[in-house]
Each structure stands twice: as structure tokens, then as C-alpha cells.
Amino acid sequence: MKGGRKLNRDERILWGKVARTTRPVSGRLEDLEFEDVTEAAPVAAEPEKPKAQFPKMIVEEVPLDPGIKAKAGRIHHPLEKPVKRKLTRGHLPLEGRIDLHGMVQSEAHSILLDFLIRAHERGMRHVLVITGKGRSLGSDGALKRAVPMWFSKPEFSYLISSYEDASRNHGGDGALYVRLSRARGDRS
């Protein structure tokens, strides 16, 4: 390795095992260093250094409204096909919309919670949450992964009846249709 740290004996042995399982690029076989695994002697284990002791965290449970506790463990199901079809075609209106693009998770969490609480209090049933698709190669965006996980937490779960990825005309994989639960006593 040029400019990097030198491999110790165990790392060289491990590298030799890995290198044997690969197919070399033509003309490069002579550049590979192999260390014979059979001659590896057992290495005496170094004494373990004591780990730093961190103070234990005290976690207090925040008291929740009894109505919220009853619904907190609820599992959200996807929207029914007819409802999603009506939302997609515009026959069922989206009563609210929030765009979380460019926000960090802590900021998006509080803004989304506030938005859903206000929408729930106003009696809205269907809203659109735009998370974005993410820009990192080969993986989803942070908010795209986090928002569905937040929906299962107690502060969100009592607000939400169901959710599902939005259709292409509303943002596709970068957005969610969210059906809010009915307010207590509301049967409309």
C-alpha cells in the first residue's frame, strides 16, 4: 500500500484469503502479495484495555393521554385500492400537503408532527406528505426511510389510520398518501 498504514500479520493473512477468492485483472497477478495461511502461528491475545465508563442515562417515560395509550400499539395498513385510485385520479381530494424536502430529520419530525396534529384537529382525512426520493446512490433518502418508522411511534400512531406510497402524479416513491384517523365522536 502506498501512503497508507502497513498491514499487520493477521491482516495480511486475511487479505491473502480474500485475494485468492477473486479473479485477477490480466497482468496484475504478480502485484498481489500472498501470505501462506498454513504457517500462521497463533498470536497471543493482547490484554483488553478497560473501557471508559459512561454514566447511565436515566430515561423517564412521558405520560401520555389514556386515549393515546390505547391506540399507540396499532399497526397501520395500506390504503384500500379504491381509495388510492380515487386519490390518484383526483376524485377524492387531498385536503393538505406538506413538503419535507431539504430538512434534517429532527426538523422534519417536529414539523410533520405539528402538521398532522393540526390536520387531525381540523377533521382532515387525506393528506400528502412529500419526503423526497433521496439523492444518495443506491439507497433511499433519509426522510423516505424515517417517516414510515415515525408513523409507528406513539406521538404519530393515534393520528394516522393508514398510509401508502403516492401515485406517480403526486410524487411517486417520494411521497406518501396519509389517511388520518377520525377525531373522537366524528362519524362522518
N, C-alpha and C. Protein backbone atom coordinates (compact mmCIF):
# COMPACT_ATOMS: atom_id res chain seq x y z
N MET A 1 0.84 -1.18 0.00
CA MET A 1 0.00 0.00 0.00
C MET A 1 0.88 1.24 0.00
N LYS A 2 0.60 2.14 -0.86
CA LYS A 2 1.39 3.36 -0.89
C LYS A 2 0.71 4.41 -0.04
N GLY A 3 1.47 5.03 0.84
CA GLY A 3 0.96 6.14 1.63
C GLY A 3 0.04 5.74 2.77
N GLY A 4 -0.40 4.50 2.82
CA GLY A 4 -1.31 4.07 3.88
C GLY A 4 -0.54 3.37 4.98
N ARG A 5 -1.25 2.90 5.96
CA ARG A 5 -0.60 2.17 7.04
C ARG A 5 -0.24 0.77 6.57
N LYS A 6 0.73 0.16 7.22
CA LYS A 6 1.16 -1.19 6.89
C LYS A 6 0.20 -2.18 7.53
N LEU A 7 -0.08 -3.27 6.83
CA LEU A 7 -0.93 -4.32 7.37
C LEU A 7 -0.14 -5.16 8.36
N ASN A 8 -0.78 -5.51 9.46
CA ASN A 8 -0.10 -6.41 10.39
C ASN A 8 -0.24 -7.83 9.87
N ARG A 9 0.35 -8.79 10.56
CA ARG A 9 0.41 -10.17 10.09
C ARG A 9 -1.00 -10.76 9.89
N ASP A 10 -1.89 -10.56 10.84
CA ASP A 10 -3.24 -11.10 10.73
C ASP A 10 -4.00 -10.49 9.55
N GLU A 11 -3.81 -9.20 9.35
CA GLU A 11 -4.49 -8.55 8.24
C GLU A 11 -3.95 -9.05 6.90
N ARG A 12 -2.64 -9.30 6.83
CA ARG A 12 -2.07 -9.83 5.59
C ARG A 12 -2.60 -11.22 5.30
N ILE A 13 -2.74 -12.04 6.33
CA ILE A 13 -3.29 -13.39 6.15
C ILE A 13 -4.72 -13.30 5.65
N LEU A 14 -5.50 -12.43 6.29
CA LEU A 14 -6.90 -12.24 5.87
C LEU A 14 -6.95 -11.74 4.43
N TRP A 15 -6.09 -10.79 4.09
CA TRP A 15 -6.07 -10.27 2.73
C TRP A 15 -5.71 -11.37 1.73
N GLY A 16 -4.78 -12.25 2.10
CA GLY A 16 -4.42 -13.36 1.23
C GLY A 16 -5.61 -14.27 0.96
N LYS A 17 -6.43 -14.54 2.01
CA LYS A 17 -7.63 -15.36 1.83
C LYS A 17 -8.62 -14.69 0.87
N VAL A 18 -8.80 -13.41 1.06
CA VAL A 18 -9.74 -12.67 0.20
C VAL A 18 -9.22 -12.62 -1.23
N ALA A 19 -7.94 -12.36 -1.39
CA ALA A 19 -7.35 -12.23 -2.72
C ALA A 19 -7.45 -13.53 -3.51
N ARG A 20 -7.37 -14.67 -2.81
CA ARG A 20 -7.47 -15.97 -3.51
C ARG A 20 -8.87 -16.21 -4.06
N THR A 21 -9.86 -15.60 -3.48
CA THR A 21 -11.24 -15.83 -3.93
C THR A 21 -11.62 -14.93 -5.10
N THR A 22 -10.75 -14.03 -5.48
CA THR A 22 -11.08 -13.10 -6.57
C THR A 22 -10.40 -13.52 -7.85
N ARG A 23 -10.83 -12.96 -8.94
CA ARG A 23 -10.23 -13.23 -10.24
C ARG A 23 -9.39 -12.01 -10.60
N PRO A 24 -8.08 -12.18 -10.76
CA PRO A 24 -7.22 -11.02 -11.01
C PRO A 24 -7.44 -10.43 -12.40
N VAL A 25 -7.20 -9.13 -12.50
CA VAL A 25 -7.23 -8.44 -13.78
C VAL A 25 -5.98 -8.89 -14.54
N SER A 26 -6.08 -9.07 -15.82
CA SER A 26 -4.95 -9.59 -16.59
C SER A 26 -3.71 -8.71 -16.40
N GLY A 27 -2.56 -9.39 -16.16
CA GLY A 27 -1.30 -8.69 -16.00
C GLY A 27 -1.06 -8.16 -14.60
N ARG A 28 -1.95 -8.40 -13.66
CA ARG A 28 -1.79 -7.84 -12.33
C ARG A 28 -1.50 -8.91 -11.27
N LEU A 29 -1.47 -10.18 -11.63
CA LEU A 29 -1.31 -11.26 -10.66
C LEU A 29 0.01 -11.14 -9.90
N GLU A 30 1.06 -10.71 -10.59
CA GLU A 30 2.37 -10.64 -9.92
C GLU A 30 2.42 -9.53 -8.87
N ASP A 31 1.49 -8.57 -8.93
CA ASP A 31 1.49 -7.48 -7.95
C ASP A 31 0.88 -7.90 -6.61
N LEU A 32 0.11 -8.99 -6.62
CA LEU A 32 -0.56 -9.42 -5.39
C LEU A 32 0.42 -10.13 -4.47
N GLU A 33 0.35 -9.81 -3.19
CA GLU A 33 1.17 -10.49 -2.20
C GLU A 33 0.30 -11.49 -1.46
N PHE A 34 0.75 -12.72 -1.41
CA PHE A 34 0.03 -13.74 -0.67
C PHE A 34 0.89 -14.17 0.50
N GLU A 35 0.27 -14.38 1.63
CA GLU A 35 0.98 -14.93 2.76
C GLU A 35 0.34 -16.27 3.05
N ASP A 36 1.15 -17.25 3.22
CA ASP A 36 0.65 -18.60 3.43
C ASP A 36 -0.09 -18.67 4.75
N VAL A 37 -1.31 -19.17 4.70
CA VAL A 37 -2.16 -19.27 5.87
C VAL A 37 -1.70 -20.40 6.77
N THR A 38 -1.11 -21.42 6.21
CA THR A 38 -0.73 -22.59 6.99
C THR A 38 0.38 -22.28 7.98
N GLU A 39 1.23 -21.30 7.70
CA GLU A 39 2.33 -21.02 8.60
C GLU A 39 1.96 -20.00 9.68
N ALA A 40 0.71 -19.60 9.71
CA ALA A 40 0.29 -18.61 10.70
C ALA A 40 0.30 -19.24 12.09
N ALA A 41 1.07 -18.65 12.98
CA ALA A 41 1.14 -19.14 14.35
C ALA A 41 0.08 -18.41 15.16
N PRO A 42 -0.47 -19.09 16.15
CA PRO A 42 -1.46 -18.40 16.98
C PRO A 42 -0.80 -17.21 17.69
N VAL A 43 -1.48 -16.11 17.64
CA VAL A 43 -0.96 -14.89 18.22
C VAL A 43 -1.57 -14.74 19.61
N ALA A 44 -0.73 -14.41 20.57
CA ALA A 44 -1.23 -14.23 21.94
C ALA A 44 -2.13 -13.01 21.97
N ALA A 45 -3.25 -13.17 22.61
CA ALA A 45 -4.22 -12.07 22.68
C ALA A 45 -3.66 -10.96 23.57
N GLU A 46 -3.84 -9.73 23.10
CA GLU A 46 -3.39 -8.59 23.88
C GLU A 46 -4.35 -8.40 25.05
N PRO A 47 -3.84 -7.98 26.18
CA PRO A 47 -4.75 -7.76 27.31
C PRO A 47 -5.74 -6.65 26.94
N GLU A 48 -6.98 -6.87 27.31
CA GLU A 48 -8.03 -5.93 26.96
C GLU A 48 -7.90 -4.67 27.80
N LYS A 49 -7.99 -3.53 27.15
CA LYS A 49 -7.91 -2.27 27.86
C LYS A 49 -9.27 -2.00 28.51
N PRO A 50 -9.27 -1.43 29.70
CA PRO A 50 -10.57 -1.14 30.32
C PRO A 50 -11.29 -0.06 29.52
N LYS A 51 -12.57 -0.28 29.34
CA LYS A 51 -13.37 0.68 28.57
C LYS A 51 -13.79 1.82 29.48
N ALA A 52 -13.93 2.98 28.87
CA ALA A 52 -14.35 4.15 29.63
C ALA A 52 -15.77 3.93 30.15
N GLN A 53 -15.97 4.26 31.39
CA GLN A 53 -17.30 4.10 31.99
C GLN A 53 -18.08 5.39 31.78
N PHE A 54 -19.22 5.27 31.15
CA PHE A 54 -20.08 6.41 30.94
C PHE A 54 -21.21 6.36 31.95
N PRO A 55 -21.67 7.50 32.40
CA PRO A 55 -22.78 7.46 33.35
C PRO A 55 -24.02 6.89 32.68
N LYS A 56 -24.80 6.15 33.45
CA LYS A 56 -26.01 5.56 32.90
C LYS A 56 -27.04 6.65 32.71
N MET A 57 -27.76 6.53 31.61
CA MET A 57 -28.79 7.53 31.31
C MET A 57 -30.06 7.15 32.05
N ILE A 58 -30.71 8.13 32.56
CA ILE A 58 -32.00 7.90 33.22
C ILE A 58 -33.06 8.31 32.22
N VAL A 59 -33.89 7.37 31.86
CA VAL A 59 -34.94 7.63 30.89
C VAL A 59 -36.27 7.64 31.62
N GLU A 60 -36.94 8.76 31.53
CA GLU A 60 -38.25 8.87 32.16
C GLU A 60 -39.31 8.73 31.10
N GLU A 61 -40.34 8.00 31.43
CA GLU A 61 -41.44 7.83 30.48
C GLU A 61 -42.34 9.05 30.56
N VAL A 62 -42.63 9.60 29.39
CA VAL A 62 -43.51 10.76 29.32
C VAL A 62 -44.94 10.27 29.41
N PRO A 63 -45.71 10.80 30.35
CA PRO A 63 -47.09 10.32 30.47
C PRO A 63 -47.92 10.73 29.26
N LEU A 64 -48.64 9.78 28.71
CA LEU A 64 -49.49 10.04 27.55
C LEU A 64 -50.95 10.04 27.98
N ASP A 65 -51.75 10.72 27.21
CA ASP A 65 -53.19 10.72 27.41
C ASP A 65 -53.68 9.26 27.32
N PRO A 66 -54.59 8.82 28.20
CA PRO A 66 -55.06 7.42 28.15
C PRO A 66 -55.63 7.02 26.80
N GLY A 67 -56.26 7.95 26.09
CA GLY A 67 -56.80 7.65 24.76
C GLY A 67 -55.69 7.35 23.77
N ILE A 68 -54.56 8.01 23.94
CA ILE A 68 -53.42 7.80 23.05
C ILE A 68 -52.78 6.45 23.34
N LYS A 69 -52.65 6.10 24.63
CA LYS A 69 -52.03 4.83 25.00
C LYS A 69 -52.79 3.65 24.42
N ALA A 70 -54.09 3.73 24.36
CA ALA A 70 -54.89 2.62 23.85
C ALA A 70 -54.61 2.38 22.38
N LYS A 71 -54.34 3.44 21.63
CA LYS A 71 -54.13 3.31 20.19
C LYS A 71 -52.66 3.24 19.81
N ALA A 72 -51.74 3.39 20.78
CA ALA A 72 -50.32 3.53 20.47
C ALA A 72 -49.71 2.31 19.79
N GLY A 73 -50.15 1.11 20.12
CA GLY A 73 -49.54 -0.08 19.55
C GLY A 73 -50.16 -0.52 18.25
N ARG A 74 -50.92 0.33 17.63
CA ARG A 74 -51.67 -0.02 16.44
C ARG A 74 -50.76 -0.18 15.22
N ILE A 75 -51.11 -1.13 14.36
CA ILE A 75 -50.38 -1.35 13.11
C ILE A 75 -51.15 -0.66 11.99
N HIS A 76 -50.42 0.11 11.19
CA HIS A 76 -51.06 0.82 10.08
C HIS A 76 -51.08 -0.08 8.85
N HIS A 77 -52.20 -0.08 8.18
CA HIS A 77 -52.37 -0.89 6.98
C HIS A 77 -52.35 0.03 5.76
N PRO A 78 -52.05 -0.52 4.60
CA PRO A 78 -52.08 0.32 3.39
C PRO A 78 -53.50 0.75 3.07
N LEU A 79 -53.59 1.79 2.27
CA LEU A 79 -54.91 2.27 1.83
C LEU A 79 -55.59 1.20 0.99
N GLU A 80 -56.90 1.20 1.02
CA GLU A 80 -57.65 0.28 0.17
C GLU A 80 -57.47 0.74 -1.28
N LYS A 81 -57.53 -0.21 -2.21
CA LYS A 81 -57.31 0.11 -3.63
C LYS A 81 -58.28 1.15 -4.16
N PRO A 82 -59.59 1.06 -3.85
CA PRO A 82 -60.50 2.09 -4.38
C PRO A 82 -60.17 3.50 -3.86
N VAL A 83 -59.74 3.59 -2.60
CA VAL A 83 -59.40 4.90 -2.04
C VAL A 83 -58.16 5.46 -2.72
N LYS A 84 -57.14 4.61 -2.91
CA LYS A 84 -55.93 5.08 -3.58
C LYS A 84 -56.22 5.49 -5.02
N ARG A 85 -57.08 4.73 -5.69
CA ARG A 85 -57.44 5.06 -7.07
C ARG A 85 -58.15 6.42 -7.12
N LYS A 86 -59.05 6.67 -6.18
CA LYS A 86 -59.76 7.95 -6.15
C LYS A 86 -58.80 9.11 -5.85
N LEU A 87 -57.85 8.89 -4.96
CA LEU A 87 -56.86 9.93 -4.66
C LEU A 87 -56.00 10.21 -5.88
N THR A 88 -55.58 9.16 -6.57
CA THR A 88 -54.74 9.29 -7.76
C THR A 88 -55.44 10.09 -8.85
N ARG A 89 -56.71 9.78 -9.07
CA ARG A 89 -57.46 10.43 -10.15
C ARG A 89 -58.03 11.79 -9.76
N GLY A 90 -57.92 12.15 -8.50
CA GLY A 90 -58.44 13.44 -8.07
C GLY A 90 -59.91 13.42 -7.70
N HIS A 91 -60.53 12.24 -7.63
CA HIS A 91 -61.94 12.15 -7.25
C HIS A 91 -62.12 12.29 -5.75
N LEU A 92 -61.09 12.04 -4.99
CA LEU A 92 -61.08 12.22 -3.55
C LEU A 92 -60.00 13.26 -3.26
N PRO A 93 -60.37 14.40 -2.70
CA PRO A 93 -59.39 15.48 -2.58
C PRO A 93 -58.34 15.23 -1.50
N LEU A 94 -57.14 15.70 -1.78
CA LEU A 94 -56.10 15.75 -0.76
C LEU A 94 -56.30 17.08 -0.04
N GLU A 95 -56.63 17.00 1.22
CA GLU A 95 -57.01 18.20 1.97
C GLU A 95 -55.83 18.98 2.51
N GLY A 96 -54.66 18.38 2.50
CA GLY A 96 -53.47 19.05 2.99
C GLY A 96 -52.23 18.46 2.33
N ARG A 97 -51.15 19.22 2.38
CA ARG A 97 -49.90 18.78 1.76
C ARG A 97 -48.76 19.43 2.51
N ILE A 98 -47.72 18.63 2.76
CA ILE A 98 -46.51 19.17 3.40
C ILE A 98 -45.30 18.64 2.65
N ASP A 99 -44.34 19.51 2.42
CA ASP A 99 -43.13 19.15 1.69
C ASP A 99 -41.95 19.21 2.66
N LEU A 100 -41.30 18.08 2.89
CA LEU A 100 -40.19 17.98 3.83
C LEU A 100 -38.83 18.00 3.14
N HIS A 101 -38.80 18.30 1.83
CA HIS A 101 -37.53 18.33 1.08
C HIS A 101 -36.50 19.19 1.78
N GLY A 102 -35.28 18.71 1.83
CA GLY A 102 -34.16 19.52 2.30
C GLY A 102 -34.11 19.71 3.81
N MET A 103 -34.97 19.08 4.57
CA MET A 103 -34.96 19.23 6.02
C MET A 103 -34.14 18.11 6.64
N VAL A 104 -33.55 18.40 7.78
CA VAL A 104 -32.89 17.35 8.54
C VAL A 104 -33.96 16.61 9.33
N GLN A 105 -33.65 15.42 9.80
CA GLN A 105 -34.67 14.57 10.42
C GLN A 105 -35.29 15.21 11.65
N SER A 106 -34.50 15.84 12.50
CA SER A 106 -35.06 16.43 13.72
C SER A 106 -36.05 17.55 13.38
N GLU A 107 -35.70 18.36 12.40
CA GLU A 107 -36.58 19.45 11.98
C GLU A 107 -37.84 18.90 11.32
N ALA A 108 -37.67 17.92 10.44
CA ALA A 108 -38.81 17.33 9.73
C ALA A 108 -39.76 16.63 10.70
N HIS A 109 -39.22 15.97 11.72
CA HIS A 109 -40.05 15.24 12.69
C HIS A 109 -41.02 16.20 13.38
N SER A 110 -40.49 17.30 13.91
CA SER A 110 -41.35 18.23 14.65
C SER A 110 -42.34 18.93 13.73
N ILE A 111 -41.91 19.30 12.53
CA ILE A 111 -42.81 19.98 11.60
C ILE A 111 -43.91 19.04 11.13
N LEU A 112 -43.57 17.79 10.83
CA LEU A 112 -44.56 16.81 10.39
C LEU A 112 -45.56 16.52 11.50
N LEU A 113 -45.08 16.36 12.73
CA LEU A 113 -45.98 16.09 13.85
C LEU A 113 -46.95 17.25 14.04
N ASP A 114 -46.44 18.47 13.99
CA ASP A 114 -47.29 19.65 14.15
C ASP A 114 -48.33 19.72 13.03
N PHE A 115 -47.90 19.45 11.80
CA PHE A 115 -48.81 19.48 10.65
C PHE A 115 -49.93 18.44 10.82
N LEU A 116 -49.56 17.21 11.20
CA LEU A 116 -50.56 16.14 11.33
C LEU A 116 -51.51 16.41 12.49
N ILE A 117 -51.02 16.97 13.57
CA ILE A 117 -51.90 17.30 14.70
C ILE A 117 -52.92 18.35 14.27
N ARG A 118 -52.45 19.40 13.60
CA ARG A 118 -53.38 20.45 13.14
C ARG A 118 -54.37 19.92 12.12
N ALA A 119 -53.91 19.07 11.20
CA ALA A 119 -54.81 18.49 10.20
C ALA A 119 -55.84 17.59 10.87
N HIS A 120 -55.43 16.83 11.86
CA HIS A 120 -56.34 15.95 12.60
C HIS A 120 -57.38 16.76 13.35
N GLU A 121 -56.94 17.84 14.00
CA GLU A 121 -57.87 18.70 14.73
C GLU A 121 -58.89 19.36 13.81
N ARG A 122 -58.50 19.65 12.59
CA ARG A 122 -59.41 20.28 11.62
C ARG A 122 -60.33 19.26 10.95
N GLY A 123 -60.14 17.99 11.23
CA GLY A 123 -61.01 16.96 10.67
C GLY A 123 -60.62 16.52 9.26
N MET A 124 -59.41 16.81 8.84
CA MET A 124 -58.97 16.38 7.52
C MET A 124 -58.82 14.86 7.52
N ARG A 125 -59.04 14.25 6.37
CA ARG A 125 -58.93 12.79 6.27
C ARG A 125 -57.74 12.34 5.44
N HIS A 126 -57.44 13.02 4.32
CA HIS A 126 -56.36 12.58 3.43
C HIS A 126 -55.39 13.73 3.17
N VAL A 127 -54.11 13.48 3.47
CA VAL A 127 -53.08 14.49 3.24
C VAL A 127 -51.92 13.85 2.49
N LEU A 128 -51.10 14.67 1.89
CA LEU A 128 -49.93 14.21 1.14
C LEU A 128 -48.68 14.67 1.88
N VAL A 129 -47.80 13.73 2.19
CA VAL A 129 -46.52 14.04 2.85
C VAL A 129 -45.42 13.77 1.82
N ILE A 130 -44.73 14.82 1.41
CA ILE A 130 -43.67 14.70 0.41
C ILE A 130 -42.34 14.60 1.14
N THR A 131 -41.69 13.44 1.00
CA THR A 131 -40.41 13.20 1.68
C THR A 131 -39.23 13.38 0.76
N GLY A 132 -39.44 13.22 -0.53
CA GLY A 132 -38.34 13.23 -1.48
C GLY A 132 -37.82 11.82 -1.64
N LYS A 133 -37.14 11.57 -2.75
CA LYS A 133 -36.64 10.23 -3.04
C LYS A 133 -35.24 10.00 -2.52
N GLY A 134 -34.54 11.06 -2.19
CA GLY A 134 -33.16 10.92 -1.73
C GLY A 134 -32.21 11.02 -2.89
N ARG A 135 -31.00 11.44 -2.61
CA ARG A 135 -30.02 11.63 -3.69
C ARG A 135 -28.86 10.67 -3.63
N SER A 136 -28.69 9.97 -2.53
CA SER A 136 -27.52 9.11 -2.43
C SER A 136 -27.68 7.91 -3.36
N LEU A 137 -26.58 7.50 -3.95
CA LEU A 137 -26.62 6.42 -4.93
C LEU A 137 -26.90 5.09 -4.24
N GLY A 138 -27.85 4.37 -4.77
CA GLY A 138 -28.12 3.03 -4.29
C GLY A 138 -28.89 2.93 -3.01
N SER A 139 -29.34 4.04 -2.45
CA SER A 139 -30.13 3.95 -1.23
C SER A 139 -31.23 5.00 -1.25
N ASP A 140 -32.21 4.75 -0.41
CA ASP A 140 -33.32 5.69 -0.30
C ASP A 140 -32.87 6.88 0.53
N GLY A 141 -33.64 7.95 0.45
CA GLY A 141 -33.34 9.12 1.23
C GLY A 141 -33.63 8.88 2.71
N ALA A 142 -33.03 9.70 3.54
CA ALA A 142 -33.18 9.54 4.99
C ALA A 142 -34.63 9.74 5.41
N LEU A 143 -35.29 10.75 4.89
CA LEU A 143 -36.67 11.00 5.28
C LEU A 143 -37.62 9.95 4.71
N LYS A 144 -37.30 9.46 3.53
CA LYS A 144 -38.15 8.43 2.93
C LYS A 144 -38.17 7.18 3.80
N ARG A 145 -37.04 6.87 4.43
CA ARG A 145 -36.97 5.72 5.34
C ARG A 145 -37.55 6.05 6.71
N ALA A 146 -37.30 7.27 7.19
CA ALA A 146 -37.64 7.61 8.57
C ALA A 146 -39.12 7.86 8.79
N VAL A 147 -39.79 8.53 7.84
CA VAL A 147 -41.19 8.92 8.06
C VAL A 147 -42.09 7.71 8.33
N PRO A 148 -42.03 6.62 7.56
CA PRO A 148 -42.87 5.47 7.91
C PRO A 148 -42.55 4.89 9.30
N MET A 149 -41.30 4.97 9.72
CA MET A 149 -40.96 4.49 11.07
C MET A 149 -41.57 5.41 12.13
N TRP A 150 -41.57 6.71 11.86
CA TRP A 150 -42.16 7.65 12.81
C TRP A 150 -43.65 7.38 12.99
N PHE A 151 -44.31 6.96 11.91
CA PHE A 151 -45.74 6.73 11.99
C PHE A 151 -46.12 5.65 12.99
N SER A 152 -45.20 4.76 13.33
CA SER A 152 -45.50 3.71 14.30
C SER A 152 -45.23 4.16 15.74
N LYS A 153 -44.65 5.33 15.92
CA LYS A 153 -44.38 5.84 17.27
C LYS A 153 -45.66 6.40 17.88
N PRO A 154 -45.76 6.37 19.21
CA PRO A 154 -47.00 6.80 19.88
C PRO A 154 -47.46 8.21 19.53
N GLU A 155 -46.53 9.13 19.34
CA GLU A 155 -46.94 10.51 19.06
C GLU A 155 -47.61 10.64 17.69
N PHE A 156 -47.35 9.71 16.78
CA PHE A 156 -47.95 9.74 15.45
C PHE A 156 -49.08 8.73 15.30
N SER A 157 -48.94 7.56 15.91
CA SER A 157 -49.82 6.44 15.59
C SER A 157 -51.30 6.72 15.86
N TYR A 158 -51.62 7.50 16.86
CA TYR A 158 -53.03 7.78 17.12
C TYR A 158 -53.63 8.74 16.09
N LEU A 159 -52.78 9.45 15.36
CA LEU A 159 -53.25 10.40 14.35
C LEU A 159 -53.55 9.73 13.01
N ILE A 160 -52.87 8.62 12.75
CA ILE A 160 -52.86 8.04 11.41
C ILE A 160 -53.65 6.75 11.36
N SER A 161 -54.51 6.64 10.36
CA SER A 161 -55.25 5.41 10.13
C SER A 161 -54.48 4.49 9.18
N SER A 162 -53.96 5.04 8.09
CA SER A 162 -53.18 4.26 7.14
C SER A 162 -52.35 5.19 6.27
N TYR A 163 -51.39 4.60 5.57
CA TYR A 163 -50.56 5.38 4.64
C TYR A 163 -50.03 4.45 3.57
N GLU A 164 -49.63 5.04 2.46
CA GLU A 164 -49.08 4.26 1.35
C GLU A 164 -48.34 5.20 0.41
N ASP A 165 -47.41 4.65 -0.38
CA ASP A 165 -46.70 5.46 -1.37
C ASP A 165 -47.71 6.13 -2.30
N ALA A 166 -47.42 7.36 -2.65
CA ALA A 166 -48.31 8.11 -3.53
C ALA A 166 -48.16 7.62 -4.97
N SER A 167 -49.14 7.97 -5.78
CA SER A 167 -49.06 7.63 -7.20
C SER A 167 -48.07 8.57 -7.88
N ARG A 168 -47.74 8.24 -9.09
CA ARG A 168 -46.70 8.97 -9.83
C ARG A 168 -47.02 10.46 -9.98
N ASN A 169 -48.28 10.79 -10.22
CA ASN A 169 -48.63 12.19 -10.43
C ASN A 169 -48.59 13.03 -9.15
N HIS A 170 -48.47 12.38 -7.99
CA HIS A 170 -48.35 13.10 -6.72
C HIS A 170 -46.97 12.94 -6.10
N GLY A 171 -46.01 12.41 -6.84
CA GLY A 171 -44.65 12.30 -6.32
C GLY A 171 -44.11 10.88 -6.25
N GLY A 172 -44.95 9.89 -6.52
CA GLY A 172 -44.48 8.51 -6.56
C GLY A 172 -43.84 8.06 -5.27
N ASP A 173 -42.65 7.46 -5.40
CA ASP A 173 -41.94 6.93 -4.22
C ASP A 173 -41.48 8.02 -3.26
N GLY A 174 -41.48 9.25 -3.71
CA GLY A 174 -41.01 10.35 -2.87
C GLY A 174 -42.11 11.01 -2.08
N ALA A 175 -43.30 10.41 -2.03
CA ALA A 175 -44.41 11.00 -1.29
C ALA A 175 -45.30 9.89 -0.73
N LEU A 176 -46.08 10.24 0.27
CA LEU A 176 -46.98 9.28 0.91
C LEU A 176 -48.39 9.87 1.00
N TYR A 177 -49.38 9.05 0.66
CA TYR A 177 -50.75 9.40 0.98
C TYR A 177 -50.96 8.98 2.43
N VAL A 178 -51.50 9.85 3.24
CA VAL A 178 -51.74 9.54 4.65
C VAL A 178 -53.22 9.76 4.93
N ARG A 179 -53.88 8.72 5.44
CA ARG A 179 -55.27 8.85 5.89
C ARG A 179 -55.21 9.05 7.39
N LEU A 180 -55.76 10.19 7.82
CA LEU A 180 -55.78 10.50 9.25
C LEU A 180 -56.96 9.79 9.90
N SER A 181 -56.79 9.42 11.15
CA SER A 181 -57.88 8.78 11.87
C SER A 181 -58.94 9.82 12.17
N ARG A 182 -60.13 9.34 12.42
CA ARG A 182 -61.23 10.26 12.74
C ARG A 182 -61.05 10.81 14.14
N ALA A 183 -61.47 12.04 14.32
CA ALA A 183 -61.45 12.64 15.66
C ALA A 183 -62.51 11.93 16.49
N ARG A 184 -62.34 11.89 17.80
CA ARG A 184 -63.30 11.22 18.68
C ARG A 184 -64.71 11.78 18.48
N GLY A 185 -65.65 10.88 18.35
CA GLY A 185 -67.04 11.29 18.19
C GLY A 185 -67.42 11.65 16.78
N ASP A 186 -66.44 11.72 15.86
CA ASP A 186 -66.72 12.08 14.47
C ASP A 186 -67.06 10.81 13.69
N ARG A 187 -68.25 10.75 13.18
CA ARG A 187 -68.69 9.58 12.40
C ARG A 187 -68.98 9.92 10.95
N SER A 188 -68.53 11.07 10.49
CA SER A 188 -68.81 11.45 9.10
C SER A 188 -67.87 10.80 8.14
